[in-house]
Protein backbone atom coordinates (compact mmCIF):
# COMPACT_ATOMS: atom_id res chain seq x y z
CA MET A 1 -29.82 -77.58 -53.70
CA ALA A 2 -32.37 -76.38 -56.21
CA GLU A 3 -35.65 -78.25 -56.12
CA THR A 4 -37.13 -79.52 -59.36
CA SER A 5 -40.59 -78.14 -60.21
CA GLN A 6 -41.89 -81.30 -61.91
CA ILE A 7 -42.55 -84.88 -60.94
CA ILE A 8 -39.64 -87.20 -61.68
CA ASN A 9 -40.76 -90.73 -62.53
CA ILE A 10 -38.49 -93.48 -61.27
CA LEU A 11 -38.46 -97.21 -61.98
CA ILE A 12 -36.51 -99.61 -59.80
CA VAL A 13 -35.20 -102.68 -61.60
CA SER A 14 -34.75 -105.23 -58.85
CA GLU A 15 -36.17 -108.46 -57.45
CA ASN A 16 -34.87 -107.73 -53.96
CA GLU A 17 -38.07 -107.10 -52.00
CA ARG A 18 -36.25 -105.52 -49.08
CA MET A 19 -34.42 -103.10 -51.39
CA ILE A 20 -37.66 -102.20 -53.18
CA ALA A 21 -39.49 -101.59 -49.88
CA LEU A 22 -36.66 -99.42 -48.52
CA THR A 23 -36.46 -97.43 -51.75
CA ARG A 24 -40.21 -96.87 -51.74
CA SER A 25 -40.12 -95.78 -48.09
CA ILE A 26 -37.32 -93.25 -48.71
CA LEU A 27 -38.81 -91.80 -51.90
CA SER A 28 -42.32 -91.55 -50.46
CA ARG A 29 -41.12 -88.58 -48.38
CA GLU A 30 -40.18 -86.63 -51.51
CA GLU A 31 -43.13 -85.07 -53.37
CA SER A 32 -41.11 -84.53 -56.55
CA LEU A 33 -39.89 -88.14 -56.77
CA GLN A 34 -42.44 -90.78 -57.79
CA LEU A 35 -41.55 -94.47 -57.83
CA ALA A 36 -43.50 -96.55 -60.36
CA ASP A 37 -45.68 -99.24 -58.80
CA GLU A 38 -44.41 -101.97 -61.09
CA MET A 39 -42.79 -105.32 -60.38
CA VAL A 40 -39.99 -105.83 -62.90
CA THR A 41 -38.72 -109.20 -64.11
CA LEU A 42 -36.25 -110.17 -66.80
CA ARG A 43 -39.19 -111.13 -69.01
CA ASN A 44 -41.11 -107.83 -68.75
CA LEU A 45 -38.23 -105.37 -68.23
CA TYR A 46 -38.22 -103.65 -71.61
CA SER A 47 -42.00 -103.58 -71.99
CA THR A 48 -42.30 -102.06 -68.51
CA ILE A 49 -39.83 -99.31 -69.40
CA ASP A 50 -41.78 -98.60 -72.60
CA LYS A 51 -45.03 -98.42 -70.62
CA THR A 52 -43.85 -96.32 -67.66
CA ARG A 53 -41.41 -94.05 -69.55
CA PRO A 54 -39.31 -93.36 -66.43
CA ASP A 55 -36.95 -90.40 -66.16
CA ILE A 56 -34.60 -92.43 -63.96
CA ILE A 57 -33.97 -96.16 -63.74
CA LEU A 58 -32.53 -97.51 -60.50
CA LEU A 59 -30.68 -100.64 -61.66
CA ASP A 60 -29.89 -103.26 -59.03
CA PHE A 61 -26.63 -104.84 -60.21
CA ASP A 62 -27.74 -108.15 -58.70
CA PHE A 63 -30.81 -108.21 -60.96
CA ASN A 64 -29.12 -110.56 -63.41
CA ASP A 65 -25.79 -112.27 -64.03
CA HIS A 66 -24.60 -109.80 -66.68
CA PRO A 67 -25.21 -106.33 -65.22
CA PHE A 68 -22.76 -104.50 -67.48
CA ASP A 69 -24.41 -105.88 -70.62
CA MET A 70 -27.79 -104.88 -69.25
CA LEU A 71 -26.55 -101.40 -68.36
CA ASP A 72 -25.18 -100.96 -71.87
CA ASN A 73 -28.46 -102.14 -73.42
CA LEU A 74 -30.58 -99.85 -71.25
CA THR A 75 -28.54 -96.74 -72.00
CA SER A 76 -28.53 -97.43 -75.75
CA GLN A 77 -32.21 -98.47 -76.12
CA PHE A 78 -33.67 -95.88 -73.75
CA PRO A 79 -31.48 -92.79 -74.10
CA TRP A 80 -34.07 -90.54 -72.41
CA CYS A 81 -33.60 -92.47 -69.14
CA ALA A 82 -30.77 -91.78 -66.73
CA VAL A 83 -29.57 -95.02 -65.17
CA VAL A 84 -28.40 -94.98 -61.56
CA ALA A 85 -26.55 -98.16 -60.60
CA ILE A 86 -27.27 -99.73 -57.21
CA LEU A 87 -24.10 -101.52 -56.10
CA SER A 88 -23.26 -103.78 -53.22
CA GLU A 89 -20.08 -103.11 -51.26
CA ALA A 90 -18.27 -105.86 -53.18
CA GLU A 91 -19.25 -104.31 -56.52
CA MET A 92 -17.92 -100.85 -55.65
CA VAL A 93 -14.48 -101.90 -56.91
CA ASN A 94 -15.97 -101.83 -60.45
CA LEU A 95 -16.92 -98.17 -60.16
CA GLU A 96 -14.82 -97.11 -63.14
CA ARG A 97 -16.43 -99.71 -65.39
CA VAL A 98 -19.92 -98.80 -64.15
CA VAL A 99 -19.47 -95.15 -65.15
CA LEU A 100 -17.88 -96.03 -68.49
CA SER A 101 -20.80 -98.36 -69.26
CA GLY A 102 -23.20 -95.43 -69.23
CA ALA A 103 -24.50 -95.06 -65.66
CA ARG A 104 -25.16 -91.43 -64.79
CA ALA A 105 -24.43 -92.08 -61.12
CA PHE A 106 -24.19 -94.88 -58.56
CA ILE A 107 -25.41 -95.57 -55.04
CA GLN A 108 -24.16 -98.15 -52.58
CA TYR A 109 -26.68 -100.52 -50.99
CA PRO A 110 -27.60 -100.63 -48.13
CA TYR A 111 -28.26 -96.91 -48.61
CA GLN A 112 -26.65 -94.36 -46.34
CA LYS A 113 -29.03 -91.82 -44.83
CA GLU A 114 -30.34 -89.40 -47.49
CA LYS A 115 -27.70 -90.58 -49.98
CA LEU A 116 -30.29 -92.02 -52.36
CA VAL A 117 -32.33 -88.80 -52.57
CA ILE A 118 -29.23 -86.62 -52.92
CA THR A 119 -27.90 -88.79 -55.78
CA ILE A 120 -31.21 -88.79 -57.64
CA LYS A 121 -31.64 -85.02 -57.30
CA ARG A 122 -28.16 -84.41 -58.64
CA VAL A 123 -28.92 -86.56 -61.67
CA VAL A 124 -32.23 -84.71 -62.11
CA GLN A 125 -30.40 -81.39 -62.15
CA LEU A 126 -28.04 -82.67 -64.84
CA ILE A 127 -31.01 -83.81 -66.93
CA GLU A 128 -32.73 -80.42 -66.59
CA ARG A 129 -29.60 -78.52 -67.58
CA ASN A 130 -29.17 -80.68 -70.66
CA GLN A 131 -32.78 -79.97 -71.66
CA VAL A 132 -32.35 -76.18 -71.57
CA PRO A 133 -32.21 -75.00 -75.21
CA VAL A 134 -29.11 -73.02 -76.04
CA GLN A 135 -28.10 -71.19 -79.17
CA GLN A 136 -25.59 -73.23 -81.12
CA GLU A 137 -22.24 -71.52 -81.44
CA PRO A 138 -19.00 -72.67 -83.00
CA GLU A 139 -16.91 -74.66 -80.56
CA GLN A 140 -14.08 -72.74 -78.99
CA GLU A 141 -11.20 -73.92 -76.92
CA MET A 142 -11.51 -73.17 -73.23
CA PRO A 143 -9.08 -70.41 -72.24
CA GLU A 144 -6.13 -71.76 -70.32
CA THR A 145 -6.54 -70.84 -66.66
CA GLN A 146 -3.81 -70.58 -64.06
CA LYS A 147 -3.74 -73.71 -61.92
CA HIS A 148 -2.16 -73.37 -58.51
CA THR A 149 -2.35 -76.78 -56.87
CA PHE A 150 -0.21 -77.90 -53.95
CA THR A 151 -0.02 -81.49 -52.68
CA ILE A 152 1.18 -81.92 -49.10
CA PHE A 153 2.89 -85.31 -48.75
CA SER A 154 5.27 -87.25 -46.58
CA PRO A 155 6.52 -90.80 -47.11
CA LYS A 156 6.53 -91.18 -43.31
CA GLY A 157 3.26 -91.26 -41.42
CA GLY A 158 2.44 -89.11 -38.42
CA VAL A 159 4.44 -86.03 -39.44
CA GLY A 160 1.45 -83.68 -39.68
CA THR A 161 0.41 -83.44 -43.35
CA THR A 162 -3.27 -82.98 -42.47
CA THR A 163 -2.57 -80.26 -39.89
CA ILE A 164 -0.37 -78.39 -42.34
CA ALA A 165 -2.73 -78.82 -45.31
CA THR A 166 -5.76 -77.66 -43.31
CA ASN A 167 -4.12 -74.59 -41.82
CA LEU A 168 -2.22 -73.72 -44.99
CA ALA A 169 -5.48 -73.68 -46.98
CA ILE A 170 -7.03 -71.28 -44.46
CA SER A 171 -3.94 -69.05 -44.49
CA LEU A 172 -3.87 -68.96 -48.32
CA GLN A 173 -7.55 -68.03 -48.33
CA ASN A 174 -6.88 -65.17 -45.90
CA THR A 175 -3.88 -63.95 -47.88
CA LEU A 176 -5.23 -64.26 -51.42
CA LYS A 177 -8.87 -63.32 -50.71
CA GLU A 178 -9.80 -65.97 -53.30
CA GLU A 179 -11.68 -69.23 -52.91
CA VAL A 180 -9.39 -72.08 -51.90
CA LEU A 181 -10.30 -75.77 -52.09
CA LEU A 182 -8.92 -78.19 -49.50
CA LEU A 183 -9.08 -81.75 -50.82
CA ASP A 184 -8.59 -84.76 -48.56
CA GLY A 185 -6.48 -86.92 -50.85
CA LYS A 186 -6.13 -89.87 -48.50
CA GLN A 187 -7.96 -92.73 -50.13
CA LEU A 188 -8.59 -94.23 -46.69
CA PHE A 189 -8.52 -92.80 -43.17
CA GLY A 190 -8.78 -89.16 -44.18
CA HIS A 191 -8.99 -86.79 -41.20
CA VAL A 192 -9.58 -83.38 -42.78
CA PRO A 193 -13.24 -83.17 -41.60
CA LEU A 194 -12.09 -84.13 -38.09
CA HIS A 195 -9.63 -81.23 -38.00
CA LEU A 196 -12.39 -78.86 -39.09
CA ASN A 197 -15.26 -80.37 -37.05
CA LEU A 198 -17.07 -80.74 -40.36
CA LEU A 199 -20.05 -83.08 -40.49
CA THR A 200 -21.05 -83.97 -44.05
CA GLY A 201 -21.95 -86.98 -46.15
CA ASN A 202 -20.35 -85.42 -49.24
CA SER A 203 -17.09 -86.83 -50.52
CA LEU A 204 -14.81 -87.07 -53.53
CA THR A 205 -16.75 -90.09 -54.82
CA ASP A 206 -19.79 -87.85 -55.42
CA LEU A 207 -17.73 -86.19 -58.17
CA ILE A 208 -16.06 -89.38 -59.40
CA ALA A 209 -19.54 -90.69 -60.27
CA HIS A 210 -19.97 -87.74 -62.67
CA ALA A 211 -16.36 -87.53 -63.84
CA GLY A 212 -17.28 -87.03 -67.48
CA MET A 213 -19.94 -84.34 -67.00
CA LEU A 214 -18.98 -82.08 -64.09
CA ASP A 215 -19.93 -78.43 -64.01
CA GLU A 216 -19.31 -75.60 -61.59
CA GLN A 217 -22.70 -75.82 -59.91
CA LEU A 218 -22.37 -79.52 -59.12
CA ILE A 219 -18.82 -79.04 -57.83
CA HIS A 220 -19.94 -76.27 -55.47
CA GLN A 221 -22.77 -78.47 -54.21
CA VAL A 222 -20.37 -81.26 -53.28
CA ALA A 223 -17.43 -79.18 -51.99
CA VAL A 224 -18.62 -78.07 -48.55
CA LYS A 225 -18.01 -74.52 -47.38
CA HIS A 226 -16.30 -74.26 -43.97
CA SER A 227 -16.82 -71.37 -41.57
CA SER A 228 -13.26 -70.21 -42.35
CA GLY A 229 -14.31 -69.58 -45.95
CA ILE A 230 -12.45 -72.46 -47.61
CA ARG A 231 -14.20 -75.18 -49.58
CA VAL A 232 -13.61 -78.77 -48.43
CA LEU A 233 -13.83 -82.01 -50.37
CA PRO A 234 -13.57 -84.94 -47.91
CA SER A 235 -12.20 -88.37 -48.71
CA PRO A 236 -14.52 -91.38 -49.27
CA SER A 237 -16.51 -92.47 -46.25
CA SER A 238 -16.18 -96.21 -46.87
CA VAL A 239 -13.52 -98.67 -48.01
CA ALA A 240 -15.67 -99.81 -50.93
CA GLU A 241 -16.06 -96.27 -52.28
CA ALA A 242 -12.33 -95.62 -51.91
CA GLN A 243 -11.44 -98.77 -53.85
CA GLY A 244 -13.62 -97.62 -56.73
CA ILE A 245 -11.54 -94.50 -57.44
CA ARG A 246 -9.28 -94.97 -60.46
CA PRO A 247 -6.50 -92.58 -61.58
CA GLU A 248 -8.17 -91.89 -64.95
CA SER A 249 -11.41 -90.65 -63.38
CA LEU A 250 -9.54 -88.85 -60.62
CA TYR A 251 -7.48 -86.95 -63.19
CA LYS A 252 -10.64 -85.80 -65.00
CA VAL A 253 -12.14 -84.60 -61.72
CA LEU A 254 -8.97 -82.71 -60.80
CA GLN A 255 -8.96 -80.96 -64.18
CA ASN A 256 -12.53 -79.79 -63.58
CA LEU A 257 -11.74 -78.67 -60.03
CA GLN A 258 -8.80 -76.63 -61.28
CA GLN A 259 -11.13 -74.80 -63.67
CA VAL A 260 -13.34 -73.78 -60.73
CA PHE A 261 -10.88 -73.09 -57.90
CA PRO A 262 -7.87 -70.81 -58.47
CA VAL A 263 -5.98 -72.49 -55.62
CA MET A 264 -6.15 -76.07 -54.34
CA VAL A 265 -4.41 -77.67 -51.37
CA ILE A 266 -4.38 -81.48 -51.31
CA ASP A 267 -3.62 -83.54 -48.21
CA GLY A 268 -1.69 -86.35 -49.89
CA GLY A 269 -0.98 -88.23 -46.64
CA ASN A 270 1.86 -90.73 -46.63
CA ASN A 271 0.66 -93.62 -48.82
CA LEU A 272 2.33 -93.52 -52.23
CA ASN A 273 -0.02 -95.11 -54.78
CA ASP A 274 -1.36 -94.41 -58.28
CA ASN A 275 -3.91 -91.90 -57.02
CA THR A 276 -1.35 -90.04 -54.93
CA VAL A 277 0.90 -89.81 -57.98
CA THR A 278 -2.11 -88.45 -59.93
CA TYR A 279 -2.46 -85.69 -57.33
CA MET A 280 1.25 -84.92 -57.63
CA ASP A 281 1.16 -84.97 -61.43
CA SER A 282 -1.68 -82.42 -61.31
CA SER A 283 0.16 -80.16 -58.86
CA ASP A 284 2.67 -77.47 -59.71
CA LYS A 285 4.37 -78.02 -56.34
CA VAL A 286 4.70 -81.06 -54.08
CA ILE A 287 5.30 -79.94 -50.51
CA LEU A 288 7.23 -82.61 -48.61
CA VAL A 289 6.94 -82.65 -44.83
CA LEU A 290 9.57 -84.19 -42.57
CA ASN A 291 10.32 -84.24 -38.88
CA PRO A 292 13.85 -83.70 -37.56
CA ASP A 293 14.61 -87.41 -37.00
CA LEU A 294 16.52 -90.15 -38.82
CA ALA A 295 13.47 -92.15 -39.94
CA SER A 296 11.91 -89.13 -41.59
CA MET A 297 15.19 -88.19 -43.26
CA ARG A 298 15.65 -91.70 -44.65
CA ASP A 299 12.13 -91.78 -46.10
CA ILE A 300 12.50 -88.34 -47.68
CA ARG A 301 15.77 -89.38 -49.27
CA GLN A 302 14.05 -92.40 -50.82
CA PHE A 303 11.18 -90.28 -52.08
CA ILE A 304 13.58 -87.83 -53.72
CA GLU A 305 15.00 -90.78 -55.66
CA ILE A 306 11.48 -91.91 -56.59
CA SER A 307 10.54 -88.41 -57.73
CA ALA A 308 13.33 -88.54 -60.30
CA THR A 309 11.80 -91.70 -61.81
CA LEU A 310 8.48 -89.81 -61.98
CA SER A 311 10.28 -87.14 -64.06
CA TYR A 312 9.59 -84.42 -61.49
CA PRO A 313 12.05 -81.54 -61.76
CA ARG A 314 13.78 -80.79 -58.47
CA GLU A 315 12.16 -77.35 -58.30
CA LYS A 316 8.74 -79.04 -58.12
CA LEU A 317 9.62 -80.25 -54.62
CA LEU A 318 9.38 -77.93 -51.61
CA PHE A 319 10.49 -79.06 -48.16
CA ILE A 320 8.95 -78.18 -44.80
CA LEU A 321 10.53 -79.06 -41.46
CA ASN A 322 7.72 -79.73 -38.99
CA ALA A 323 7.74 -80.07 -35.19
CA SER A 324 11.25 -78.66 -34.81
CA GLY A 325 12.99 -77.07 -31.85
CA ARG A 326 13.18 -79.95 -29.37
CA LYS A 327 16.45 -80.85 -27.66
CA ALA A 328 16.73 -84.31 -29.22
CA ASP A 329 16.08 -83.04 -32.76
CA ILE A 330 18.62 -83.25 -35.54
CA ARG A 331 19.67 -79.72 -36.44
CA LYS A 332 18.07 -78.08 -39.45
CA GLN A 333 21.42 -77.26 -41.06
CA GLU A 334 22.58 -80.85 -40.70
CA ILE A 335 19.41 -82.15 -42.40
CA GLU A 336 19.81 -79.70 -45.28
CA ASN A 337 23.46 -80.69 -45.79
CA THR A 338 22.76 -84.42 -45.58
CA LEU A 339 19.80 -84.37 -48.01
CA ASN A 340 21.19 -81.56 -50.16
CA ILE A 341 18.00 -79.53 -49.82
CA LYS A 342 16.88 -76.10 -48.61
CA PHE A 343 13.82 -75.85 -46.42
CA PHE A 344 10.95 -73.76 -47.77
CA GLY A 345 9.55 -73.38 -44.26
CA GLU A 346 9.95 -74.49 -40.66
CA ILE A 347 7.17 -75.09 -38.13
CA PRO A 348 7.97 -75.28 -34.40
CA ALA A 349 6.88 -78.14 -32.17
CA ASP A 350 3.97 -77.77 -29.76
CA GLU A 351 2.28 -81.17 -29.55
CA ASP A 352 -0.05 -80.23 -26.69
CA PHE A 353 -1.50 -77.20 -28.50
CA ALA A 354 -1.80 -79.03 -31.84
CA LEU A 355 -3.52 -81.98 -30.13
CA SER A 356 -5.99 -79.73 -28.30
CA CYS A 357 -6.91 -78.08 -31.62
CA LEU A 358 -7.50 -81.49 -33.21
CA ASN A 359 -9.66 -82.68 -30.32
CA GLU A 360 -11.76 -79.51 -30.47
CA GLY A 361 -11.99 -79.52 -34.26
CA ILE A 362 -10.64 -75.97 -34.43
CA PRO A 363 -7.75 -75.30 -36.82
CA ILE A 364 -4.66 -73.73 -35.27
CA MET A 365 -4.98 -70.66 -37.51
CA LEU A 366 -8.47 -70.00 -36.16
CA LYS A 367 -7.89 -70.83 -32.51
CA LYS A 368 -4.78 -68.70 -32.06
CA ASN A 369 -3.51 -66.89 -35.14
CA ARG A 370 -0.51 -65.43 -33.29
CA HIS A 371 0.73 -68.78 -32.03
CA PRO A 372 4.24 -69.67 -33.31
CA ILE A 373 2.77 -72.49 -35.43
CA SER A 374 0.22 -70.11 -36.98
CA ARG A 375 2.93 -67.55 -37.73
CA ALA A 376 5.14 -70.20 -39.34
CA ILE A 377 2.29 -71.42 -41.55
CA SER A 378 1.43 -67.83 -42.47
CA GLN A 379 5.02 -67.32 -43.61
CA ILE A 380 4.82 -70.44 -45.78
CA ALA A 381 1.54 -69.19 -47.25
CA LYS A 382 3.08 -65.81 -48.08
CA LYS A 383 5.98 -67.51 -49.85
CA LEU A 384 3.55 -69.64 -51.84
CA VAL A 385 1.60 -66.52 -52.81
CA LYS A 386 4.82 -65.03 -54.18
CA LEU A 387 5.29 -68.17 -56.31
CA ILE A 388 1.68 -67.92 -57.49
CA LYS A 389 2.04 -64.27 -58.49
CA ALA A 390 5.38 -64.90 -60.16
CA SER A 391 3.92 -67.70 -62.30
CA GLU A 392 0.96 -65.52 -63.27
CA GLU A 393 3.28 -62.73 -64.34
CA GLU A 394 5.23 -65.17 -66.49
């Protein structure tokens, strides 16, 4: 992350002494971030802002009983200040409203380690970019870019969407030689970082907070680069952050991501909700995963019916048979005939090997690229590449 060369003045608007002390302690370690030594009350708030002229205001949403009105007043009366909202866990459900009210970012209190500094520095970078003078040119429409986004989904849990999404993203990266983004689309209980042994505090909510003003540099800062070469955007790290994600903001973020990454793979999990549908709406293909058993077949049949109500054309759906080849399995041909589908790919069963890869945090494609599972995923990736190239030619 680029370091700012000037002192950034910060004012915290709070009467919570513990919060103020913690904020002061964290920011005291950063030479470029200076917290004003002012005690703010409702009576002296506006005069204090006029006197200190802060670059950033940290607004405690418990400061008064009408935080949204206060946020709106601050952003309109002091447009040179960037307001960062400090929210309790209970207030995180209002994330959409916070952003729409003018906050440039948000931070959950109690603060996670280094999260406060990271959030402030990101806001600082946005301020500095906006201050760079540019020559005014007539507005032009952005050229339409090819968007190749694939959501991996199954209405039944435990069928391996995360394993397939993770390894498919790596295989597509190897085949295309282009940057691929792997997005953990599970609103809760996302396991993509676990499969990749990826330790990071970054998550999708870091982009949701800036949904209306994303740029390529900020996106690359948040999307973590894995040793395999793919970029990874993990799911929220807390329930409160996850509950704050709304389809409208998510759609804006996805549009920006598609402008940056030529190919995206989304682990859609198995929970069908508004956000999952937003992922599917933004994808040119929805890859449905099922196991060769009756429960999986029943759930896929129901989803096919649901997909018709979502106005998805049948060609938007691709089907993958996972964990096949065991004696008790229903035969592939029988599944295709019963569901009236054709499988796009088939992945053999090897629970012990797949589990060992998960426990070690090493994707199957990296641990043993000639394993039958790796070869099957490579074949699926090659078929997807053909679809990508065909759509580009059209």
